[in-house]
Structures are given as structure tokens and as C-alpha cells.
Amino acid sequence: MSYDARFRVWRGDADDGELHDYTVEVNEGEVVLDIIHRLQATQAGDLAVRWNCKAGKCGSCSAEINGRPRLLCMTRMSTFTEEELITVTPLRAFPVIRDLVTDVSFNYDKARQVPAFQPPADLEPGDYRMAQVDVERSQEFRKCIECFLCQDVCHVVRDHEDNKQAFAGPRFLMRIAELDMHPLDERDRKSEAQEEFGLGYCNITKCCTEVCPEHIKITDNALIPMKERVVDRKYDPLVWLGNKIARRS
């Protein structure tokens, strides 16, 4: 069973653009990316959209649908009514290249800034040992497909362009938390998270968790525990006293 849906799609580039209205055929079982492809094939052959796997695993087709960051390939048309006007726009937090394609290089720059895993200097690769509970603790974060929806929806990045220099965003604070949880990582991630990657900017609204297509509990399992460890480091009087004694000795 098919019907005609009303779509409003953003067309333009970094200099100028506007929303264009289209009427496109929808068939049973289709997702928004199917409709965008049909729109390309029938009415807007020059419409730019980034996609790859169409299986919710590459993170390429990130966009905003009715104002909410989503993957085009994982948003079923059945979630909308036949009469509903569906608006598709590029990720708001990043510069537009053309149409629905944005420049997400900010995220790759931040990824390069996160120091790599740092094991003890005298530990040979074959001697790495971890308890299963430690493996499971960080395994959840490895599900990230780097769609950057969490980065897009985070208001610290989305609403304040000048914060980007000092704030890594939830995806990379999650990476730092993952490394900090690793029992063999010796780097001081707590100080770096606060001083260099802007953990203090996060006010744990959980908007990043809400849009994650992999259902990673970014706020509860990564950001809040990281904040707790930073607070322990900075404000726990016993830790403060221990650091003083260690420095004197």
C-alpha cells in the first residue's frame, strides 16, 4: 500500500539556502532514506545526502527530522501519519557543505586530541590481563558508530559556537571515561577531562543519551561517573590530604 507524503527538505550551501516542499510516493516498510533516494531519482537529482550502509551501523546519514537528530536509514515512515509534513534538515551544530551534508571535521579534530591508551611502561603486550567485569564496563561504549547525533544535540555545542574550542562533546568525553575505567591505563584522564576537554560544561541533561541510535547510556554510565571521579580528585578532603602528604614525602 502506497501513499503520497509531504516532505520539506533544506536545499542550499554554506552561503544560502531554504526549505523546499515536495510530494513523494511512500511504500510500506520504507524509511526516510528511501524517500530521500526516491526524491533524488524523480524530482531533485542534485540533492546531496551522505549515506553508506543503510543498516544503522556506519553513522553516515545523520540529519534532523522534524527538528530531532536521527539516522535517515533508521527512521521508519510508519512513525509518521500520512497527513504529516516531514521536515528534513542538516545537522544544526555543524557547518553545511550542501543540502543535507554537513562538515563534521570538528569531531575528527577532537578525536585526534584524545591521548591514546597508555599501559604501564614495563608491561609487555602479552601480559595484558583484565577481569571480565572491567571488560563489560566499557564494552557498551564500543558500540558507538560515530554518527555524531549526540554531538549535534548537545546544547553546549549546538547553541554556543565559541564553546567548541574548549569542549570535546559527549562522544569524546565518553571515550575519555572509557579509558579512565581501564585498569591498565596509567594516564591522568580526570585532570584532562576537566581542564582540557571541558567536562565541566556538561550539565547532564541526557539529551545525548536520548538520541543515541545504539542506546548507549552516555550520561548515566560515562559522563556522570567521570564527573564523580573528577569531583573526588578536586574536592574530597581525604584525597587532598593524601596528595599533600605524598608531595611532602
C-alpha atoms as a PDB file:
ATOM      1  CA  MET A   1       0.000   0.000   0.000  1.00  0.00           C
ATOM      2  CA  SER A   2       1.451   3.359  -1.017  1.00  0.00           C
ATOM      3  CA  TYR A   3       0.548   6.987  -0.427  1.00  0.00           C
ATOM      4  CA  ASP A   4       1.923  10.439  -1.206  1.00  0.00           C
ATOM      5  CA  ALA A   5       3.800  12.102   1.667  1.00  0.00           C
ATOM      6  CA  ARG A   6       4.618  15.772   2.053  1.00  0.00           C
ATOM      7  CA  PHE A   7       8.309  16.481   2.594  1.00  0.00           C
ATOM      8  CA  ARG A   8      10.055  19.756   3.326  1.00  0.00           C
ATOM      9  CA  VAL A   9      13.798  19.443   2.637  1.00  0.00           C
ATOM     10  CA  TRP A  10      16.540  22.001   3.195  1.00  0.00           C
ATOM     11  CA  ARG A  11      18.388  22.899  -0.011  1.00  0.00           C
ATOM     12  CA  GLY A  12      21.432  25.132  -0.185  1.00  0.00           C
ATOM     13  CA  ASP A  13      25.062  25.536   0.798  1.00  0.00           C
ATOM     14  CA  ALA A  14      27.190  27.401   3.334  1.00  0.00           C
ATOM     15  CA  ASP A  15      26.233  30.766   1.820  1.00  0.00           C
ATOM     16  CA  ASP A  16      22.494  30.469   1.315  1.00  0.00           C
ATOM     17  CA  GLY A  17      19.606  28.029   1.373  1.00  0.00           C
ATOM     18  CA  GLU A  18      15.930  27.456   2.086  1.00  0.00           C
ATOM     19  CA  LEU A  19      13.329  24.741   2.625  1.00  0.00           C
ATOM     20  CA  HIS A  20      11.716  23.229  -0.464  1.00  0.00           C
ATOM     21  CA  ASP A  21       8.399  21.378  -0.466  1.00  0.00           C
ATOM     22  CA  TYR A  22       7.987  18.054  -2.273  1.00  0.00           C
ATOM     23  CA  THR A  23       5.320  15.390  -2.584  1.00  0.00           C
ATOM     24  CA  VAL A  24       6.886  11.922  -2.752  1.00  0.00           C
ATOM     25  CA  GLU A  25       5.472   8.409  -3.006  1.00  0.00           C
ATOM     26  CA  VAL A  26       5.888   6.222   0.087  1.00  0.00           C
ATOM     27  CA  ASN A  27       5.604   2.425   0.088  1.00  0.00           C
ATOM     28  CA  GLU A  28       5.019   0.104   3.006  1.00  0.00           C
ATOM     29  CA  GLY A  29       8.085  -0.666   5.118  1.00  0.00           C
ATOM     30  CA  GLU A  30      10.226   2.231   3.884  1.00  0.00           C
ATOM     31  CA  VAL A  31      12.488   4.523   5.889  1.00  0.00           C
ATOM     32  CA  VAL A  32      13.173   8.220   5.385  1.00  0.00           C
ATOM     33  CA  LEU A  33      16.377   7.493   3.449  1.00  0.00           C
ATOM     34  CA  ASP A  34      14.312   5.525   0.897  1.00  0.00           C
ATOM     35  CA  ILE A  35      12.171   8.606   0.339  1.00  0.00           C
ATOM     36  CA  ILE A  36      15.202  10.875   0.003  1.00  0.00           C
ATOM     37  CA  HIS A  37      16.599   8.486  -2.627  1.00  0.00           C
ATOM     38  CA  ARG A  38      13.277   8.480  -4.492  1.00  0.00           C
ATOM     39  CA  LEU A  39      13.272  12.261  -4.325  1.00  0.00           C
ATOM     40  CA  GLN A  40      16.749  12.276  -5.892  1.00  0.00           C
ATOM     41  CA  ALA A  41      15.619   9.886  -8.627  1.00  0.00           C
ATOM     42  CA  THR A  42      12.409  11.665  -9.572  1.00  0.00           C
ATOM     43  CA  GLN A  43      12.470  15.354  -8.642  1.00  0.00           C
ATOM     44  CA  ALA A  44      15.799  16.578  -7.244  1.00  0.00           C
ATOM     45  CA  GLY A  45      18.687  14.816  -8.968  1.00  0.00           C
ATOM     46  CA  ASP A  46      21.239  17.203  -7.461  1.00  0.00           C
ATOM     47  CA  LEU A  47      20.117  16.731  -3.833  1.00  0.00           C
ATOM     48  CA  ALA A  48      23.192  15.994  -1.699  1.00  0.00           C
ATOM     49  CA  VAL A  49      22.905  13.453   1.122  1.00  0.00           C
ATOM     50  CA  ARG A  50      25.577  11.384   2.847  1.00  0.00           C
ATOM     51  CA  TRP A  51      24.907   7.666   3.361  1.00  0.00           C
ATOM     52  CA  ASN A  52      26.660   4.321   3.123  1.00  0.00           C
ATOM     53  CA  CYS A  53      25.426   1.133   4.805  1.00  0.00           C
ATOM     54  CA  LYS A  54      21.674   1.809   5.144  1.00  0.00           C
ATOM     55  CA  ALA A  55      21.740  -0.501   8.169  1.00  0.00           C
ATOM     56  CA  GLY A  56      22.298   1.899  11.070  1.00  0.00           C
ATOM     57  CA  LYS A  57      25.942   0.916  11.507  1.00  0.00           C
ATOM     58  CA  CYS A  58      28.029   3.493   9.620  1.00  0.00           C
ATOM     59  CA  GLY A  59      26.559   6.682  11.092  1.00  0.00           C
ATOM     60  CA  SER A  60      26.766   8.475   7.726  1.00  0.00           C
ATOM     61  CA  CYS A  61      23.160   9.534   7.139  1.00  0.00           C
ATOM     62  CA  SER A  62      22.757  11.729  10.212  1.00  0.00           C
ATOM     63  CA  ALA A  63      20.281  14.567   9.767  1.00  0.00           C
ATOM     64  CA  GLU A  64      17.434  16.251  11.620  1.00  0.00           C
ATOM     65  CA  ILE A  65      13.891  15.053  11.045  1.00  0.00           C
ATOM     66  CA  ASN A  66      11.207  17.394  12.359  1.00  0.00           C
ATOM     67  CA  GLY A  67      13.953  19.045  14.410  1.00  0.00           C
ATOM     68  CA  ARG A  68      15.223  15.874  16.070  1.00  0.00           C
ATOM     69  CA  PRO A  69      18.672  14.430  15.245  1.00  0.00           C
ATOM     70  CA  ARG A  70      18.173  10.968  13.718  1.00  0.00           C
ATOM     71  CA  LEU A  71      19.626   8.492  11.254  1.00  0.00           C
ATOM     72  CA  LEU A  72      17.689   8.684   7.984  1.00  0.00           C
ATOM     73  CA  CYS A  73      18.080   4.936   7.454  1.00  0.00           C
ATOM     74  CA  MET A  74      16.680   4.022  10.873  1.00  0.00           C
ATOM     75  CA  THR A  75      13.670   6.340  10.916  1.00  0.00           C
ATOM     76  CA  ARG A  76      10.672   4.416   9.618  1.00  0.00           C
ATOM     77  CA  MET A  77       7.966   6.236   7.714  1.00  0.00           C
ATOM     78  CA  SER A  78       5.419   4.329   9.780  1.00  0.00           C
ATOM     79  CA  THR A  79       6.307   6.561  12.741  1.00  0.00           C
ATOM     80  CA  PHE A  80       4.583   9.468  10.954  1.00  0.00           C
ATOM     81  CA  THR A  81       0.978   9.869   9.892  1.00  0.00           C
ATOM     82  CA  GLU A  82       0.137  10.038   6.199  1.00  0.00           C
ATOM     83  CA  GLU A  83      -1.022  13.649   6.605  1.00  0.00           C
ATOM     84  CA  GLU A  84       2.083  14.810   8.484  1.00  0.00           C
ATOM     85  CA  LEU A  85       4.534  17.274   6.950  1.00  0.00           C
ATOM     86  CA  ILE A  86       8.032  15.799   7.401  1.00  0.00           C
ATOM     87  CA  THR A  87      10.899  18.285   7.559  1.00  0.00           C
ATOM     88  CA  VAL A  88      14.437  17.074   6.840  1.00  0.00           C
ATOM     89  CA  THR A  89      17.324  19.436   7.583  1.00  0.00           C
ATOM     90  CA  PRO A  90      21.108  19.091   8.032  1.00  0.00           C
ATOM     91  CA  LEU A  91      22.751  18.743  11.454  1.00  0.00           C
ATOM     92  CA  ARG A  92      22.440  22.156  13.016  1.00  0.00           C
ATOM     93  CA  ALA A  93      25.622  22.100  15.107  1.00  0.00           C
ATOM     94  CA  PHE A  94      27.982  21.792  12.132  1.00  0.00           C
ATOM     95  CA  PRO A  95      28.632  23.888   9.003  1.00  0.00           C
ATOM     96  CA  VAL A  96      26.607  22.989   5.932  1.00  0.00           C
ATOM     97  CA  ILE A  97      28.525  21.838   2.878  1.00  0.00           C
ATOM     98  CA  ARG A  98      25.492  21.333   0.661  1.00  0.00           C
ATOM     99  CA  ASP A  99      21.869  20.354   1.237  1.00  0.00           C
ATOM    100  CA  LEU A 100      21.820  17.616   3.911  1.00  0.00           C
ATOM    101  CA  VAL A 101      25.613  17.171   4.043  1.00  0.00           C
ATOM    102  CA  THR A 102      27.490  18.887   6.866  1.00  0.00           C
ATOM    103  CA  ASP A 103      31.152  19.332   7.703  1.00  0.00           C
ATOM    104  CA  VAL A 104      31.707  17.153  10.780  1.00  0.00           C
ATOM    105  CA  SER A 105      35.509  17.517  10.787  1.00  0.00           C
ATOM    106  CA  PHE A 106      35.233  19.164  14.231  1.00  0.00           C
ATOM    107  CA  ASN A 107      34.618  15.695  15.625  1.00  0.00           C
ATOM    108  CA  TYR A 108      37.673  14.162  13.978  1.00  0.00           C
ATOM    109  CA  ASP A 109      39.808  17.018  15.279  1.00  0.00           C
ATOM    110  CA  LYS A 110      38.560  16.285  18.811  1.00  0.00           C
ATOM    111  CA  ALA A 111      39.168  12.553  18.337  1.00  0.00           C
ATOM    112  CA  ARG A 112      42.803  13.209  17.478  1.00  0.00           C
ATOM    113  CA  GLN A 113      43.214  15.271  20.644  1.00  0.00           C
ATOM    114  CA  VAL A 114      42.255  12.395  22.966  1.00  0.00           C
ATOM    115  CA  PRO A 115      45.502  10.701  24.095  1.00  0.00           C
ATOM    116  CA  ALA A 116      45.701   7.013  23.281  1.00  0.00           C
ATOM    117  CA  PHE A 117      45.628   4.122  25.751  1.00  0.00           C
ATOM    118  CA  GLN A 118      48.724   4.293  27.962  1.00  0.00           C
ATOM    119  CA  PRO A 119      49.655   0.983  29.653  1.00  0.00           C
ATOM    120  CA  PRO A 120      52.419   0.645  32.282  1.00  0.00           C
ATOM    121  CA  ALA A 121      55.837   1.117  30.678  1.00  0.00           C
ATOM    122  CA  ASP A 122      57.130  -2.240  31.905  1.00  0.00           C
ATOM    123  CA  LEU A 123      54.088  -4.253  30.809  1.00  0.00           C
ATOM    124  CA  GLU A 124      54.619  -6.485  27.772  1.00  0.00           C
ATOM    125  CA  PRO A 125      51.704  -6.781  25.300  1.00  0.00           C
ATOM    126  CA  GLY A 126      51.257 -10.488  26.047  1.00  0.00           C
ATOM    127  CA  ASP A 127      50.923  -9.739  29.754  1.00  0.00           C
ATOM    128  CA  TYR A 128      47.740  -7.662  29.496  1.00  0.00           C
ATOM    129  CA  ARG A 129      45.149  -9.081  31.903  1.00  0.00           C
ATOM    130  CA  MET A 130      41.673  -7.724  32.677  1.00  0.00           C
ATOM    131  CA  ALA A 131      38.850  -9.004  34.824  1.00  0.00           C
ATOM    132  CA  GLN A 132      35.645  -9.688  32.912  1.00  0.00           C
ATOM    133  CA  VAL A 133      33.792  -7.036  34.913  1.00  0.00           C
ATOM    134  CA  ASP A 134      36.270  -4.427  33.655  1.00  0.00           C
ATOM    135  CA  VAL A 135      35.758  -5.584  30.078  1.00  0.00           C
ATOM    136  CA  GLU A 136      31.988  -5.362  30.388  1.00  0.00           C
ATOM    137  CA  ARG A 137      32.099  -1.922  31.999  1.00  0.00           C
ATOM    138  CA  SER A 138      33.486  -0.237  28.904  1.00  0.00           C
ATOM    139  CA  GLN A 139      32.137  -2.601  26.234  1.00  0.00           C
ATOM    140  CA  GLU A 140      28.941  -0.565  25.938  1.00  0.00           C
ATOM    141  CA  PHE A 141      30.888   2.487  24.751  1.00  0.00           C
ATOM    142  CA  ARG A 142      32.487   0.467  21.938  1.00  0.00           C
ATOM    143  CA  LYS A 143      29.092   0.244  20.248  1.00  0.00           C
ATOM    144  CA  CYS A 144      29.396   3.889  19.148  1.00  0.00           C
ATOM    145  CA  ILE A 145      29.032   4.259  15.359  1.00  0.00           C
ATOM    146  CA  GLU A 146      30.184   7.898  15.395  1.00  0.00           C
ATOM    147  CA  CYS A 147      27.020   9.281  13.840  1.00  0.00           C
ATOM    148  CA  PHE A 148      27.649  12.405  15.958  1.00  0.00           C
ATOM    149  CA  LEU A 149      23.968  12.810  16.807  1.00  0.00           C
ATOM    150  CA  CYS A 150      24.976  13.214  20.449  1.00  0.00           C
ATOM    151  CA  GLN A 151      27.420  15.943  19.440  1.00  0.00           C
ATOM    152  CA  ASP A 152      24.713  17.661  17.381  1.00  0.00           C
ATOM    153  CA  VAL A 153      22.050  17.657  20.085  1.00  0.00           C
ATOM    154  CA  CYS A 154      24.372  18.751  22.920  1.00  0.00           C
ATOM    155  CA  HIS A 155      23.370  22.351  23.590  1.00  0.00           C
ATOM    156  CA  VAL A 156      26.901  23.254  24.699  1.00  0.00           C
ATOM    157  CA  VAL A 157      27.998  22.696  21.077  1.00  0.00           C
ATOM    158  CA  ARG A 158      24.709  23.390  19.324  1.00  0.00           C
ATOM    159  CA  ASP A 159      23.885  26.771  20.832  1.00  0.00           C
ATOM    160  CA  HIS A 160      27.333  28.181  21.618  1.00  0.00           C
ATOM    161  CA  GLU A 161      29.808  28.095  18.738  1.00  0.00           C
ATOM    162  CA  ASP A 162      32.537  29.621  20.910  1.00  0.00           C
ATOM    163  CA  ASN A 163      32.448  26.570  23.225  1.00  0.00           C
ATOM    164  CA  LYS A 164      33.758  24.220  20.549  1.00  0.00           C
ATOM    165  CA  GLN A 165      37.370  25.120  21.217  1.00  0.00           C
ATOM    166  CA  ALA A 166      37.181  24.106  24.888  1.00  0.00           C
ATOM    167  CA  PHE A 167      34.561  21.345  24.820  1.00  0.00           C
ATOM    168  CA  ALA A 168      35.037  17.867  23.328  1.00  0.00           C
ATOM    169  CA  GLY A 169      31.365  16.906  23.405  1.00  0.00           C
ATOM    170  CA  PRO A 170      29.682  13.780  24.786  1.00  0.00           C
ATOM    171  CA  ARG A 171      31.124  11.335  22.248  1.00  0.00           C
ATOM    172  CA  PHE A 172      34.728  12.095  23.197  1.00  0.00           C
ATOM    173  CA  LEU A 173      34.129  12.627  26.898  1.00  0.00           C
ATOM    174  CA  MET A 174      32.679   9.116  26.740  1.00  0.00           C
ATOM    175  CA  ARG A 175      35.921   7.930  25.129  1.00  0.00           C
ATOM    176  CA  ILE A 176      37.947   9.558  27.913  1.00  0.00           C
ATOM    177  CA  ALA A 177      35.694   7.935  30.532  1.00  0.00           C
ATOM    178  CA  GLU A 178      36.178   4.559  28.827  1.00  0.00           C
ATOM    179  CA  LEU A 179      39.958   4.915  29.017  1.00  0.00           C
ATOM    180  CA  ASP A 180      39.798   6.130  32.614  1.00  0.00           C
ATOM    181  CA  MET A 181      37.864   2.976  33.542  1.00  0.00           C
ATOM    182  CA  HIS A 182      40.553   0.768  32.005  1.00  0.00           C
ATOM    183  CA  PRO A 183      42.557  -0.834  34.848  1.00  0.00           C
ATOM    184  CA  LEU A 184      45.781  -0.748  32.819  1.00  0.00           C
ATOM    185  CA  ASP A 185      45.574   2.857  31.632  1.00  0.00           C
ATOM    186  CA  GLU A 186      48.004   4.997  33.622  1.00  0.00           C
ATOM    187  CA  ARG A 187      47.284   8.425  32.171  1.00  0.00           C
ATOM    188  CA  ASP A 188      45.644  11.076  34.349  1.00  0.00           C
ATOM    189  CA  ARG A 189      42.356  11.271  32.447  1.00  0.00           C
ATOM    190  CA  LYS A 190      40.492  13.061  35.236  1.00  0.00           C
ATOM    191  CA  SER A 191      42.512  16.261  35.080  1.00  0.00           C
ATOM    192  CA  GLU A 192      42.483  16.192  31.270  1.00  0.00           C
ATOM    193  CA  ALA A 193      38.720  15.689  31.130  1.00  0.00           C
ATOM    194  CA  GLN A 194      38.130  18.752  33.289  1.00  0.00           C
ATOM    195  CA  GLU A 195      40.904  21.089  32.201  1.00  0.00           C
ATOM    196  CA  GLU A 196      41.412  20.263  28.512  1.00  0.00           C
ATOM    197  CA  PHE A 197      38.166  18.694  27.277  1.00  0.00           C
ATOM    198  CA  GLY A 198      35.566  20.761  29.129  1.00  0.00           C
ATOM    199  CA  LEU A 199      33.783  18.148  31.234  1.00  0.00           C
ATOM    200  CA  GLY A 200      32.532  20.936  33.485  1.00  0.00           C
ATOM    201  CA  TYR A 201      30.465  22.390  30.638  1.00  0.00           C
ATOM    202  CA  CYS A 202      28.248  19.283  30.630  1.00  0.00           C
ATOM    203  CA  ASN A 203      25.162  19.735  32.818  1.00  0.00           C
ATOM    204  CA  ILE A 204      23.901  16.152  32.304  1.00  0.00           C
ATOM    205  CA  THR A 205      20.587  16.925  30.588  1.00  0.00           C
ATOM    206  CA  LYS A 206      20.745  13.432  28.981  1.00  0.00           C
ATOM    207  CA  CYS A 207      19.861  14.790  25.537  1.00  0.00           C
ATOM    208  CA  CYS A 208      22.863  12.914  24.119  1.00  0.00           C
ATOM    209  CA  THR A 209      21.587   9.627  25.532  1.00  0.00           C
ATOM    210  CA  GLU A 210      18.102  10.220  24.126  1.00  0.00           C
ATOM    211  CA  VAL A 211      19.256  10.460  20.500  1.00  0.00           C
ATOM    212  CA  CYS A 212      21.861   7.660  20.519  1.00  0.00           C
ATOM    213  CA  PRO A 213      20.818   5.046  17.907  1.00  0.00           C
ATOM    214  CA  GLU A 214      22.880   2.392  19.727  1.00  0.00           C
ATOM    215  CA  HIS A 215      21.086   3.149  23.014  1.00  0.00           C
ATOM    216  CA  ILE A 216      24.342   3.813  24.858  1.00  0.00           C
ATOM    217  CA  LYS A 217      23.670   5.335  28.273  1.00  0.00           C
ATOM    218  CA  ILE A 218      26.208   8.089  27.672  1.00  0.00           C
ATOM    219  CA  THR A 219      25.142  10.273  30.579  1.00  0.00           C
ATOM    220  CA  ASP A 220      24.485   7.662  33.252  1.00  0.00           C
ATOM    221  CA  ASN A 221      27.343   5.272  32.501  1.00  0.00           C
ATOM    222  CA  ALA A 222      30.086   7.596  31.220  1.00  0.00           C
ATOM    223  CA  LEU A 223      29.635  11.305  31.918  1.00  0.00           C
ATOM    224  CA  ILE A 224      28.204  11.189  35.446  1.00  0.00           C
ATOM    225  CA  PRO A 225      30.755   8.606  36.704  1.00  0.00           C
ATOM    226  CA  MET A 226      33.532  10.701  35.141  1.00  0.00           C
ATOM    227  CA  LYS A 227      32.232  13.827  36.851  1.00  0.00           C
ATOM    228  CA  GLU A 228      32.126  11.957  40.167  1.00  0.00           C
ATOM    229  CA  ARG A 229      35.738  10.882  39.814  1.00  0.00           C
ATOM    230  CA  VAL A 230      36.801  14.425  38.927  1.00  0.00           C
ATOM    231  CA  VAL A 231      34.979  15.811  41.972  1.00  0.00           C
ATOM    232  CA  ASP A 232      36.639  13.202  44.193  1.00  0.00           C
ATOM    233  CA  ARG A 233      40.005  14.277  42.842  1.00  0.00           C
ATOM    234  CA  LYS A 234      39.404  18.006  43.318  1.00  0.00           C
ATOM    235  CA  TYR A 235      37.255  18.286  46.444  1.00  0.00           C
ATOM    236  CA  ASP A 236      37.463  15.122  48.581  1.00  0.00           C
ATOM    237  CA  PRO A 237      39.361  16.268  51.728  1.00  0.00           C
ATOM    238  CA  LEU A 238      40.967  12.861  52.254  1.00  0.00           C
ATOM    239  CA  VAL A 239      42.260  12.804  48.687  1.00  0.00           C
ATOM    240  CA  TRP A 240      43.501  16.381  49.106  1.00  0.00           C
ATOM    241  CA  LEU A 241      45.314  15.461  52.333  1.00  0.00           C
ATOM    242  CA  GLY A 242      46.777  12.324  50.761  1.00  0.00           C
ATOM    243  CA  ASN A 243      48.143  14.373  47.862  1.00  0.00           C
ATOM    244  CA  LYS A 244      49.711  16.834  50.295  1.00  0.00           C
ATOM    245  CA  ILE A 245      51.401  14.055  52.270  1.00  0.00           C
ATOM    246  CA  ALA A 246      52.628  12.395  49.081  1.00  0.00           C
ATOM    247  CA  ARG A 247      54.176  15.635  47.861  1.00  0.00           C
ATOM    248  CA  ARG A 248      55.959  16.229  51.186  1.00  0.00           C
ATOM    249  CA  SER A 249      57.399  12.738  51.254  1.00  0.00           C
END
